[in-house]
């Protein structure tokens, strides 16, 4: 994935109106995190585009620590 990141903030939505991540992009992102021991269920993956970038990072960090 290659994104222009200079305009991304914690408030940038992952889905509509933001990074516009589609289900395949979300799945690729989650697979990369899974390689680092951070997991999301299939049901959770469906809700990820509704998060902001900041919410997603915070949740990934929380799961990484726990």
N, C-alpha and C. Protein backbone atom coordinates (compact mmCIF):
# COMPACT_ATOMS: atom_id res chain seq x y z
N UNK A 1 0.84 -1.18 0.00
CA UNK A 1 0.00 0.00 0.00
C UNK A 1 0.88 1.24 0.00
N UNK A 2 0.52 2.16 -0.83
CA UNK A 2 1.26 3.41 -0.90
C UNK A 2 0.26 4.56 -0.81
N UNK A 3 0.38 5.35 0.25
CA UNK A 3 -0.52 6.47 0.48
C UNK A 3 0.30 7.73 0.70
N UNK A 4 -0.28 8.86 0.30
CA UNK A 4 0.28 10.15 0.64
C UNK A 4 -0.07 10.40 2.10
N UNK A 5 0.92 10.38 2.97
CA UNK A 5 0.65 10.42 4.40
C UNK A 5 0.78 11.80 5.02
N UNK A 6 1.22 12.77 4.28
CA UNK A 6 1.44 14.09 4.86
C UNK A 6 0.16 14.74 5.39
N UNK A 7 -0.99 14.36 4.83
CA UNK A 7 -2.25 14.97 5.27
C UNK A 7 -3.03 14.08 6.23
N UNK A 8 -2.51 12.91 6.59
CA UNK A 8 -3.21 12.01 7.49
C UNK A 8 -3.02 12.47 8.94
N UNK A 9 -4.15 12.57 9.65
CA UNK A 9 -4.13 12.93 11.06
C UNK A 9 -4.85 11.83 11.84
N UNK A 10 -4.87 11.95 13.16
CA UNK A 10 -5.60 10.99 13.98
C UNK A 10 -7.09 10.98 13.66
N UNK A 11 -7.61 12.07 13.12
CA UNK A 11 -9.03 12.18 12.81
C UNK A 11 -9.38 11.68 11.42
N UNK A 12 -8.41 11.30 10.61
CA UNK A 12 -8.66 10.83 9.26
C UNK A 12 -9.37 9.47 9.30
N UNK A 13 -10.55 9.37 8.69
CA UNK A 13 -11.25 8.08 8.64
C UNK A 13 -10.47 7.06 7.80
N UNK A 14 -10.51 5.80 8.21
CA UNK A 14 -9.89 4.75 7.40
C UNK A 14 -10.70 4.49 6.13
N UNK A 15 -12.00 4.65 6.22
CA UNK A 15 -12.90 4.36 5.10
C UNK A 15 -13.33 5.61 4.38
N UNK A 16 -14.64 5.70 4.17
CA UNK A 16 -15.23 6.80 3.40
C UNK A 16 -14.81 8.17 3.91
N UNK A 17 -14.44 9.03 2.97
CA UNK A 17 -14.08 10.39 3.30
C UNK A 17 -12.68 10.55 3.88
N UNK A 18 -11.92 9.48 3.89
CA UNK A 18 -10.57 9.54 4.44
C UNK A 18 -9.60 8.78 3.55
N UNK A 19 -9.05 7.70 4.09
CA UNK A 19 -8.10 6.89 3.33
C UNK A 19 -8.78 6.00 2.30
N UNK A 20 -10.11 5.89 2.39
CA UNK A 20 -10.91 5.11 1.45
C UNK A 20 -10.47 3.65 1.36
N UNK A 21 -10.07 3.07 2.50
CA UNK A 21 -9.66 1.67 2.51
C UNK A 21 -10.87 0.78 2.24
N UNK A 22 -10.72 -0.13 1.28
CA UNK A 22 -11.76 -1.11 0.97
C UNK A 22 -11.44 -2.39 1.71
N UNK A 23 -12.32 -3.36 1.64
CA UNK A 23 -12.17 -4.59 2.42
C UNK A 23 -10.85 -5.30 2.13
N UNK A 24 -10.41 -5.34 0.90
CA UNK A 24 -9.14 -6.00 0.57
C UNK A 24 -7.97 -5.27 1.22
N UNK A 25 -7.98 -3.95 1.20
CA UNK A 25 -6.91 -3.17 1.82
C UNK A 25 -6.90 -3.36 3.34
N UNK A 26 -8.08 -3.41 3.93
CA UNK A 26 -8.18 -3.65 5.37
C UNK A 26 -7.62 -5.03 5.70
N UNK A 27 -7.97 -6.03 4.88
CA UNK A 27 -7.48 -7.39 5.11
C UNK A 27 -5.95 -7.44 5.01
N UNK A 28 -5.38 -6.75 4.05
CA UNK A 28 -3.92 -6.71 3.90
C UNK A 28 -3.27 -6.05 5.12
N UNK A 29 -3.86 -4.97 5.58
CA UNK A 29 -3.34 -4.28 6.76
C UNK A 29 -3.39 -5.18 7.99
N UNK A 30 -4.51 -5.86 8.17
CA UNK A 30 -4.68 -6.75 9.32
C UNK A 30 -3.69 -7.93 9.22
N UNK A 31 -3.44 -8.44 8.02
CA UNK A 31 -2.48 -9.53 7.86
C UNK A 31 -1.07 -9.08 8.25
N UNK A 32 -0.71 -7.85 7.92
CA UNK A 32 0.59 -7.32 8.31
C UNK A 32 0.69 -7.22 9.83
N UNK A 33 -0.37 -6.76 10.47
CA UNK A 33 -0.38 -6.68 11.93
C UNK A 33 -0.35 -8.06 12.56
N UNK A 34 -1.04 -9.02 11.94
CA UNK A 34 -1.06 -10.39 12.45
C UNK A 34 0.36 -10.97 12.48
N UNK A 35 1.18 -10.60 11.51
CA UNK A 35 2.58 -11.03 11.50
C UNK A 35 3.35 -10.51 12.70
N UNK A 36 2.83 -9.45 13.32
CA UNK A 36 3.46 -8.85 14.49
C UNK A 36 2.75 -9.25 15.79
N UNK A 37 1.81 -10.19 15.68
CA UNK A 37 1.11 -10.68 16.86
C UNK A 37 -0.13 -9.89 17.25
N UNK A 38 -0.57 -8.98 16.40
CA UNK A 38 -1.76 -8.17 16.67
C UNK A 38 -2.89 -8.73 15.82
N UNK A 39 -3.93 -9.27 16.46
CA UNK A 39 -4.98 -9.92 15.70
C UNK A 39 -6.33 -9.22 15.85
N UNK A 40 -7.12 -9.33 14.79
CA UNK A 40 -8.49 -8.85 14.74
C UNK A 40 -9.34 -9.99 14.19
N UNK A 41 -10.53 -10.18 14.73
CA UNK A 41 -11.42 -11.22 14.22
C UNK A 41 -12.02 -10.76 12.89
N UNK A 42 -12.62 -11.71 12.17
CA UNK A 42 -13.28 -11.38 10.91
C UNK A 42 -14.38 -10.36 11.12
N UNK A 43 -15.13 -10.51 12.21
CA UNK A 43 -16.21 -9.57 12.50
C UNK A 43 -15.65 -8.17 12.78
N UNK A 44 -14.55 -8.11 13.49
CA UNK A 44 -13.93 -6.81 13.80
C UNK A 44 -13.40 -6.15 12.53
N UNK A 45 -12.88 -6.94 11.61
CA UNK A 45 -12.34 -6.38 10.37
C UNK A 45 -13.41 -5.62 9.60
N UNK A 46 -14.65 -6.08 9.68
CA UNK A 46 -15.74 -5.41 8.98
C UNK A 46 -16.01 -4.01 9.52
N UNK A 47 -15.67 -3.78 10.79
CA UNK A 47 -15.94 -2.48 11.41
C UNK A 47 -14.76 -1.51 11.31
N UNK A 48 -13.59 -2.01 10.94
CA UNK A 48 -12.39 -1.16 10.94
C UNK A 48 -12.50 0.06 10.03
N UNK A 49 -13.10 -0.02 8.84
CA UNK A 49 -13.20 1.19 8.02
C UNK A 49 -13.99 2.32 8.70
N UNK A 50 -14.78 2.01 9.72
CA UNK A 50 -15.53 3.03 10.45
C UNK A 50 -14.70 3.76 11.49
N UNK A 51 -13.47 3.29 11.72
CA UNK A 51 -12.59 3.93 12.70
C UNK A 51 -11.80 5.06 12.06
N UNK A 52 -11.32 5.96 12.89
CA UNK A 52 -10.35 6.95 12.41
C UNK A 52 -8.96 6.32 12.50
N UNK A 53 -8.01 6.95 11.86
CA UNK A 53 -6.63 6.46 11.90
C UNK A 53 -6.15 6.38 13.35
N UNK A 54 -6.44 7.42 14.14
CA UNK A 54 -6.01 7.46 15.53
C UNK A 54 -6.64 6.35 16.36
N UNK A 55 -7.93 6.09 16.14
CA UNK A 55 -8.61 5.01 16.86
C UNK A 55 -8.00 3.66 16.50
N UNK A 56 -7.72 3.47 15.23
CA UNK A 56 -7.13 2.21 14.79
C UNK A 56 -5.74 2.00 15.39
N UNK A 57 -4.92 3.02 15.35
CA UNK A 57 -3.57 2.93 15.92
C UNK A 57 -3.64 2.64 17.41
N UNK A 58 -4.53 3.31 18.12
CA UNK A 58 -4.68 3.09 19.56
C UNK A 58 -5.10 1.65 19.85
N UNK A 59 -6.04 1.13 19.05
CA UNK A 59 -6.51 -0.25 19.26
C UNK A 59 -5.42 -1.25 18.94
N UNK A 60 -4.67 -1.03 17.87
CA UNK A 60 -3.57 -1.93 17.53
C UNK A 60 -2.50 -1.90 18.63
N UNK A 61 -2.20 -0.73 19.15
CA UNK A 61 -1.21 -0.61 20.23
C UNK A 61 -1.70 -1.31 21.49
N UNK A 62 -2.99 -1.17 21.81
CA UNK A 62 -3.56 -1.82 22.98
C UNK A 62 -3.44 -3.35 22.85
N UNK A 63 -3.74 -3.86 21.67
CA UNK A 63 -3.67 -5.30 21.45
C UNK A 63 -2.22 -5.79 21.45
N UNK A 64 -1.34 -4.97 21.01
CA UNK A 64 0.08 -5.33 20.98
C UNK A 64 0.63 -5.43 22.39
N UNK A 65 0.17 -4.56 23.27
CA UNK A 65 0.65 -4.54 24.65
C UNK A 65 0.04 -5.66 25.49
N UNK A 66 -1.12 -6.14 25.09
CA UNK A 66 -1.83 -7.10 25.93
C UNK A 66 -1.81 -8.45 25.44
